[in-house]
Amino acid sequence: MELKELKGKTESELHRLLSESRDKIRDMRFKAASKQLKNIREIRAVKKTIAQILTLLNKKEAKEEVKK
């Protein structure tokens, strides 16, 4: 998922995507360990998406603290 798409999401949607991505990466790691995963680079892409989601959540949280 692209960063532009993620920026348009609400905080609850980002949390939902984060949990889905973490589940997906866990499954991918198990498949990679048992040699069932064909494209191991997918793990890298999911990790990047998780990092982007966490960054956006932290930015939104920082903006809320500044408003208080």
Protein backbone atom coordinates (compact mmCIF):
# COMPACT_ATOMS: atom_id res chain seq x y z
CA MET A 1 0.00 0.00 0.00
CA GLU A 2 1.32 3.42 -0.92
CA LEU A 3 1.99 6.17 1.57
CA LYS A 4 -0.53 8.47 -0.14
CA GLU A 5 -3.26 5.89 0.45
CA LEU A 6 -2.25 5.49 4.08
CA LYS A 7 -2.33 9.23 4.75
CA GLY A 8 -6.00 9.34 3.81
CA LYS A 9 -6.99 6.69 6.35
CA THR A 10 -8.45 7.39 9.76
CA GLU A 11 -6.71 6.36 12.95
CA SER A 12 -8.99 3.36 13.49
CA GLU A 13 -8.41 2.18 9.93
CA LEU A 14 -4.66 2.48 10.44
CA HIS A 15 -4.85 0.39 13.61
CA ARG A 16 -6.86 -2.24 11.75
CA LEU A 17 -4.34 -2.28 8.88
CA LEU A 18 -1.50 -2.52 11.38
CA SER A 19 -2.94 -5.61 13.05
CA GLU A 20 -3.67 -7.20 9.66
CA SER A 21 -0.14 -6.50 8.45
CA ARG A 22 1.38 -7.94 11.62
CA ASP A 23 -0.70 -11.11 11.19
CA LYS A 24 0.34 -11.32 7.55
CA ILE A 25 4.04 -10.96 8.32
CA ARG A 26 3.82 -13.59 11.05
CA ASP A 27 2.27 -16.05 8.60
CA MET A 28 4.87 -15.18 5.98
CA ARG A 29 7.71 -15.82 8.43
CA PHE A 30 6.32 -19.26 9.24
CA LYS A 31 5.98 -20.06 5.54
CA ALA A 32 9.51 -18.83 4.86
CA ALA A 33 10.87 -21.00 7.65
CA SER A 34 9.16 -24.07 6.22
CA LYS A 35 10.29 -23.20 2.65
CA GLN A 36 6.72 -22.63 1.43
CA LEU A 37 7.05 -18.93 0.64
CA LYS A 38 8.15 -18.36 -2.95
CA ASN A 39 8.82 -14.62 -2.85
CA ILE A 40 10.69 -13.74 0.32
CA ARG A 41 10.87 -10.06 -0.71
CA GLU A 42 7.20 -9.76 0.23
CA ILE A 43 8.30 -9.79 3.87
CA ARG A 44 10.34 -6.65 3.23
CA ALA A 45 7.36 -4.89 1.66
CA VAL A 46 5.07 -5.75 4.58
CA LYS A 47 7.69 -4.57 7.08
CA LYS A 48 7.92 -1.28 5.19
CA THR A 49 4.14 -0.88 5.29
CA ILE A 50 4.11 -1.54 9.05
CA ALA A 51 6.80 1.10 9.57
CA GLN A 52 4.84 3.62 7.50
CA ILE A 53 1.65 2.95 9.46
CA LEU A 54 3.44 3.34 12.78
CA THR A 55 5.03 6.58 11.61
CA LEU A 56 1.66 8.02 10.59
CA LEU A 57 0.07 6.95 13.89
CA ASN A 58 2.88 8.61 15.83
CA LYS A 59 2.53 11.81 13.81
CA LYS A 60 -1.21 11.91 14.43
CA GLU A 61 -0.65 11.32 18.15
CA ALA A 62 1.93 14.12 18.28
CA LYS A 63 -0.50 16.52 16.56
CA GLU A 64 -3.18 15.70 19.14
CA GLU A 65 -0.77 16.42 21.99
CA VAL A 66 0.15 19.78 20.47
CA LYS A 67 -3.51 20.74 20.21
CA LYS A 68 -4.01 20.13 23.94
